[in-house]
Amino acid sequence: MASNITQDVQEQFLSTVRKGQEMTLEALRTWVETVQSVTQSLPSIPSVSLPLADRLPNPHEVVARSYDFAEQILTSQRKFTGEVLEVASLLLPGEESKSAPKSSAAK
């Protein structure tokens, strides 16, 4: 029962996040269209050349690398948390009867 409630709350949260993302994208589209219509009526703006700008990663690469890094951190944290729970579970009521941790089994 608690699992169903948790799952329902998670689904509602994800749905709310997605709706917020859709609203943000729509606002961004409107803003871009407005800026384009205003800038098209202005005289041509000279381009600016920044030294070494061609060596910088493009925004898509930055986002992809950032999410890859975040995924690695989450994977590491998930493994660590599982190990913490395994070690600490011996302190939970009813867990005394389970086998001792591997490190103390060799003693």
N, C-alpha and C. Protein backbone atom coordinates (compact mmCIF):
# COMPACT_ATOMS: atom_id res chain seq x y z
N MET A 1 0.82 -1.20 0.00
CA MET A 1 0.00 0.00 0.00
C MET A 1 0.86 1.26 0.00
N ALA A 2 1.87 1.28 0.89
CA ALA A 2 2.75 2.45 0.94
C ALA A 2 3.50 2.61 -0.37
N SER A 3 3.82 1.49 -1.00
CA SER A 3 4.52 1.53 -2.28
C SER A 3 3.66 2.20 -3.35
N ASN A 4 2.36 1.90 -3.34
CA ASN A 4 1.45 2.51 -4.32
C ASN A 4 1.34 4.01 -4.07
N ILE A 5 1.25 4.41 -2.81
CA ILE A 5 1.16 5.84 -2.48
C ILE A 5 2.44 6.55 -2.91
N THR A 6 3.56 5.94 -2.61
CA THR A 6 4.85 6.53 -3.00
C THR A 6 4.93 6.66 -4.51
N GLN A 7 4.53 5.62 -5.21
CA GLN A 7 4.57 5.64 -6.67
C GLN A 7 3.63 6.71 -7.23
N ASP A 8 2.43 6.84 -6.64
CA ASP A 8 1.48 7.87 -7.09
C ASP A 8 2.05 9.27 -6.89
N VAL A 9 2.67 9.50 -5.73
CA VAL A 9 3.26 10.82 -5.45
C VAL A 9 4.39 11.11 -6.43
N GLN A 10 5.22 10.11 -6.70
CA GLN A 10 6.32 10.28 -7.65
C GLN A 10 5.78 10.61 -9.05
N GLU A 11 4.74 9.89 -9.46
CA GLU A 11 4.15 10.14 -10.79
C GLU A 11 3.55 11.54 -10.87
N GLN A 12 2.89 11.97 -9.80
CA GLN A 12 2.32 13.33 -9.78
C GLN A 12 3.43 14.37 -9.83
N PHE A 13 4.50 14.13 -9.08
CA PHE A 13 5.62 15.06 -9.09
C PHE A 13 6.23 15.16 -10.48
N LEU A 14 6.49 14.00 -11.11
CA LEU A 14 7.07 14.00 -12.45
C LEU A 14 6.15 14.67 -13.46
N SER A 15 4.85 14.46 -13.32
CA SER A 15 3.88 15.09 -14.21
C SER A 15 3.91 16.61 -14.03
N THR A 16 4.00 17.07 -12.80
CA THR A 16 4.07 18.50 -12.53
C THR A 16 5.34 19.11 -13.09
N VAL A 17 6.45 18.40 -12.93
CA VAL A 17 7.73 18.88 -13.49
C VAL A 17 7.62 18.98 -15.00
N ARG A 18 7.06 17.97 -15.64
CA ARG A 18 6.94 17.98 -17.11
C ARG A 18 6.06 19.13 -17.58
N LYS A 19 4.96 19.38 -16.87
CA LYS A 19 4.08 20.50 -17.24
C LYS A 19 4.83 21.83 -17.11
N GLY A 20 5.61 21.96 -16.05
CA GLY A 20 6.42 23.16 -15.89
C GLY A 20 7.44 23.32 -17.00
N GLN A 21 8.04 22.20 -17.41
CA GLN A 21 8.99 22.23 -18.53
C GLN A 21 8.31 22.65 -19.81
N GLU A 22 7.11 22.13 -20.06
CA GLU A 22 6.37 22.49 -21.28
C GLU A 22 6.02 23.97 -21.28
N MET A 23 5.60 24.49 -20.12
CA MET A 23 5.26 25.92 -20.03
C MET A 23 6.50 26.78 -20.26
N THR A 24 7.63 26.34 -19.72
CA THR A 24 8.88 27.08 -19.90
C THR A 24 9.30 27.09 -21.36
N LEU A 25 9.19 25.94 -22.03
CA LEU A 25 9.54 25.87 -23.45
C LEU A 25 8.63 26.77 -24.29
N GLU A 26 7.36 26.79 -23.97
CA GLU A 26 6.43 27.64 -24.72
C GLU A 26 6.76 29.11 -24.50
N ALA A 27 7.09 29.49 -23.28
CA ALA A 27 7.48 30.88 -22.99
C ALA A 27 8.77 31.22 -23.72
N LEU A 28 9.71 30.30 -23.76
CA LEU A 28 10.98 30.54 -24.46
C LEU A 28 10.74 30.70 -25.96
N ARG A 29 9.87 29.86 -26.53
CA ARG A 29 9.55 30.00 -27.97
C ARG A 29 8.97 31.38 -28.26
N THR A 30 8.06 31.82 -27.41
CA THR A 30 7.44 33.14 -27.59
C THR A 30 8.49 34.24 -27.47
N TRP A 31 9.37 34.13 -26.49
CA TRP A 31 10.43 35.12 -26.29
C TRP A 31 11.36 35.17 -27.51
N VAL A 32 11.77 33.99 -28.01
CA VAL A 32 12.67 33.94 -29.18
C VAL A 32 12.00 34.57 -30.39
N GLU A 33 10.73 34.27 -30.61
CA GLU A 33 10.01 34.87 -31.74
C GLU A 33 9.97 36.40 -31.61
N THR A 34 9.75 36.88 -30.40
CA THR A 34 9.69 38.33 -30.17
C THR A 34 11.05 38.97 -30.42
N VAL A 35 12.10 38.37 -29.90
CA VAL A 35 13.44 38.91 -30.11
C VAL A 35 13.79 38.90 -31.59
N GLN A 36 13.44 37.81 -32.29
CA GLN A 36 13.74 37.74 -33.73
C GLN A 36 13.00 38.83 -34.49
N SER A 37 11.75 39.07 -34.16
CA SER A 37 10.99 40.09 -34.89
C SER A 37 11.55 41.48 -34.62
N VAL A 38 12.03 41.72 -33.42
CA VAL A 38 12.60 43.03 -33.10
C VAL A 38 13.96 43.20 -33.75
N THR A 39 14.81 42.18 -33.67
CA THR A 39 16.16 42.30 -34.22
C THR A 39 16.17 42.32 -35.75
N GLN A 40 15.18 41.75 -36.38
CA GLN A 40 15.13 41.78 -37.85
C GLN A 40 14.85 43.19 -38.37
N SER A 41 14.22 43.99 -37.56
CA SER A 41 13.91 45.36 -37.99
C SER A 41 15.06 46.32 -37.71
N LEU A 42 16.07 45.87 -36.98
CA LEU A 42 17.22 46.72 -36.67
C LEU A 42 18.29 46.59 -37.75
N PRO A 43 19.15 47.60 -37.85
CA PRO A 43 20.25 47.48 -38.80
C PRO A 43 21.17 46.31 -38.40
N SER A 44 21.87 45.81 -39.35
CA SER A 44 22.75 44.66 -39.11
C SER A 44 23.79 44.98 -38.04
N ILE A 45 23.92 44.07 -37.09
CA ILE A 45 24.90 44.22 -36.02
C ILE A 45 26.16 43.50 -36.46
N PRO A 46 27.32 44.16 -36.35
CA PRO A 46 28.55 43.49 -36.77
C PRO A 46 28.85 42.28 -35.87
N SER A 47 29.40 41.26 -36.47
CA SER A 47 29.74 40.07 -35.69
C SER A 47 31.00 40.32 -34.88
N VAL A 48 31.08 39.65 -33.76
CA VAL A 48 32.22 39.79 -32.87
C VAL A 48 32.98 38.48 -32.90
N SER A 49 34.28 38.57 -33.03
CA SER A 49 35.12 37.38 -33.06
C SER A 49 35.90 37.29 -31.75
N LEU A 50 35.68 36.21 -31.04
CA LEU A 50 36.40 36.00 -29.78
C LEU A 50 37.55 35.04 -30.03
N PRO A 51 38.72 35.38 -29.52
CA PRO A 51 39.86 34.48 -29.73
C PRO A 51 39.61 33.14 -29.03
N LEU A 52 39.95 32.07 -29.70
CA LEU A 52 39.84 30.70 -29.19
C LEU A 52 38.41 30.23 -28.95
N ALA A 53 37.43 30.98 -29.39
CA ALA A 53 36.03 30.59 -29.20
C ALA A 53 35.72 29.26 -29.90
N ASP A 54 36.42 28.97 -30.97
CA ASP A 54 36.18 27.73 -31.70
C ASP A 54 36.66 26.51 -30.92
N ARG A 55 37.44 26.72 -29.87
CA ARG A 55 37.95 25.61 -29.07
C ARG A 55 37.03 25.28 -27.89
N LEU A 56 36.04 26.12 -27.66
CA LEU A 56 35.09 25.88 -26.57
C LEU A 56 34.05 24.84 -27.00
N PRO A 57 33.57 24.03 -26.06
CA PRO A 57 32.52 23.07 -26.41
C PRO A 57 31.22 23.80 -26.70
N ASN A 58 30.40 23.21 -27.56
CA ASN A 58 29.11 23.85 -27.85
C ASN A 58 28.14 23.51 -26.71
N PRO A 59 27.04 24.25 -26.62
CA PRO A 59 26.10 24.03 -25.50
C PRO A 59 25.60 22.59 -25.38
N HIS A 60 25.38 21.92 -26.51
CA HIS A 60 24.91 20.53 -26.46
C HIS A 60 25.95 19.62 -25.80
N GLU A 61 27.21 19.85 -26.11
CA GLU A 61 28.29 19.05 -25.49
C GLU A 61 28.37 19.31 -23.99
N VAL A 62 28.22 20.56 -23.60
CA VAL A 62 28.29 20.91 -22.18
C VAL A 62 27.16 20.21 -21.42
N VAL A 63 25.97 20.26 -21.96
CA VAL A 63 24.82 19.62 -21.30
C VAL A 63 25.02 18.10 -21.24
N ALA A 64 25.43 17.49 -22.34
CA ALA A 64 25.63 16.04 -22.37
C ALA A 64 26.69 15.62 -21.36
N ARG A 65 27.80 16.33 -21.32
CA ARG A 65 28.87 16.00 -20.36
C ARG A 65 28.41 16.19 -18.92
N SER A 66 27.64 17.23 -18.68
CA SER A 66 27.15 17.50 -17.33
C SER A 66 26.22 16.39 -16.86
N TYR A 67 25.32 15.94 -17.73
CA TYR A 67 24.40 14.87 -17.36
C TYR A 67 25.13 13.53 -17.23
N ASP A 68 26.13 13.29 -18.05
CA ASP A 68 26.93 12.07 -17.91
C ASP A 68 27.63 12.06 -16.55
N PHE A 69 28.17 13.20 -16.15
CA PHE A 69 28.84 13.31 -14.86
C PHE A 69 27.85 13.10 -13.71
N ALA A 70 26.68 13.74 -13.83
CA ALA A 70 25.66 13.59 -12.79
C ALA A 70 25.22 12.12 -12.67
N GLU A 71 25.12 11.44 -13.81
CA GLU A 71 24.75 10.02 -13.80
C GLU A 71 25.81 9.20 -13.07
N GLN A 72 27.08 9.50 -13.30
CA GLN A 72 28.15 8.79 -12.61
C GLN A 72 28.09 9.03 -11.10
N ILE A 73 27.81 10.26 -10.70
CA ILE A 73 27.70 10.58 -9.28
C ILE A 73 26.53 9.82 -8.66
N LEU A 74 25.37 9.82 -9.32
CA LEU A 74 24.20 9.12 -8.79
C LEU A 74 24.46 7.61 -8.69
N THR A 75 25.13 7.04 -9.68
CA THR A 75 25.45 5.62 -9.64
C THR A 75 26.35 5.31 -8.45
N SER A 76 27.36 6.14 -8.26
CA SER A 76 28.27 5.95 -7.14
C SER A 76 27.55 6.11 -5.81
N GLN A 77 26.70 7.11 -5.69
CA GLN A 77 25.96 7.34 -4.46
C GLN A 77 24.98 6.20 -4.17
N ARG A 78 24.36 5.67 -5.22
CA ARG A 78 23.42 4.56 -5.03
C ARG A 78 24.15 3.34 -4.49
N LYS A 79 25.33 3.05 -5.03
CA LYS A 79 26.13 1.92 -4.56
C LYS A 79 26.54 2.16 -3.11
N PHE A 80 27.04 3.34 -2.81
CA PHE A 80 27.47 3.68 -1.46
C PHE A 80 26.32 3.56 -0.47
N THR A 81 25.16 4.11 -0.82
CA THR A 81 24.00 4.06 0.07
C THR A 81 23.56 2.62 0.33
N GLY A 82 23.61 1.79 -0.70
CA GLY A 82 23.29 0.38 -0.52
C GLY A 82 24.24 -0.29 0.46
N GLU A 83 25.52 0.04 0.35
CA GLU A 83 26.51 -0.52 1.26
C GLU A 83 26.30 -0.01 2.68
N VAL A 84 25.96 1.27 2.83
CA VAL A 84 25.67 1.82 4.16
C VAL A 84 24.48 1.11 4.78
N LEU A 85 23.42 0.92 4.01
CA LEU A 85 22.24 0.24 4.52
C LEU A 85 22.54 -1.21 4.91
N GLU A 86 23.37 -1.86 4.12
CA GLU A 86 23.73 -3.24 4.42
C GLU A 86 24.47 -3.32 5.75
N VAL A 87 25.41 -2.43 5.98
CA VAL A 87 26.18 -2.43 7.22
C VAL A 87 25.29 -2.02 8.40
N ALA A 88 24.52 -0.96 8.24
CA ALA A 88 23.72 -0.43 9.34
C ALA A 88 22.47 -1.26 9.63
N SER A 89 22.06 -2.11 8.71
CA SER A 89 20.83 -2.88 8.91
C SER A 89 20.91 -3.80 10.12
N LEU A 90 22.11 -4.16 10.55
CA LEU A 90 22.25 -5.01 11.73
C LEU A 90 21.75 -4.32 12.99
N LEU A 91 21.63 -3.00 12.96
CA LEU A 91 21.13 -2.26 14.11
C LEU A 91 19.61 -2.18 14.15
N LEU A 92 18.95 -2.58 13.08
CA LEU A 92 17.50 -2.52 13.02
C LEU A 92 16.88 -3.68 13.80
N PRO A 93 15.72 -3.45 14.43
CA PRO A 93 15.07 -4.53 15.18
C PRO A 93 14.78 -5.72 14.26
N GLY A 94 15.03 -6.91 14.77
CA GLY A 94 14.76 -8.12 14.00
C GLY A 94 15.88 -8.50 13.06
N GLU A 95 16.91 -7.72 12.97
CA GLU A 95 18.01 -7.98 12.06
C GLU A 95 19.16 -8.70 12.74
N GLU A 96 19.10 -8.87 14.07
CA GLU A 96 20.20 -9.50 14.80
C GLU A 96 20.43 -10.94 14.36
N SER A 97 19.36 -11.60 13.95
CA SER A 97 19.48 -13.01 13.60
C SER A 97 20.14 -13.24 12.25
N LYS A 98 20.23 -12.21 11.47
CA LYS A 98 20.87 -12.36 10.15
C LYS A 98 22.37 -12.50 10.32
N SER A 99 23.01 -12.98 9.29
CA SER A 99 24.46 -13.20 9.38
C SER A 99 25.20 -11.89 9.60
N ALA A 100 26.34 -12.00 10.25
CA ALA A 100 27.17 -10.83 10.54
C ALA A 100 27.77 -10.29 9.26
N PRO A 101 28.20 -9.02 9.28
CA PRO A 101 28.85 -8.47 8.10
C PRO A 101 30.08 -9.28 7.73
N LYS A 102 30.43 -9.24 6.46
CA LYS A 102 31.56 -10.02 5.94
C LYS A 102 32.84 -9.71 6.69
N SER A 103 33.07 -8.46 7.05
CA SER A 103 34.34 -8.10 7.69
C SER A 103 34.48 -8.73 9.07
N SER A 104 33.37 -8.93 9.80
CA SER A 104 33.48 -9.52 11.14
C SER A 104 33.34 -11.04 11.10
N ALA A 105 32.95 -11.63 9.98
CA ALA A 105 32.80 -13.07 9.86
C ALA A 105 34.14 -13.76 9.91
N ALA A 106 35.20 -13.09 9.49
CA ALA A 106 36.53 -13.70 9.44
C ALA A 106 37.21 -13.67 10.80
N LYS A 107 36.63 -12.98 11.79
CA LYS A 107 37.27 -12.84 13.11
C LYS A 107 37.22 -14.11 13.89
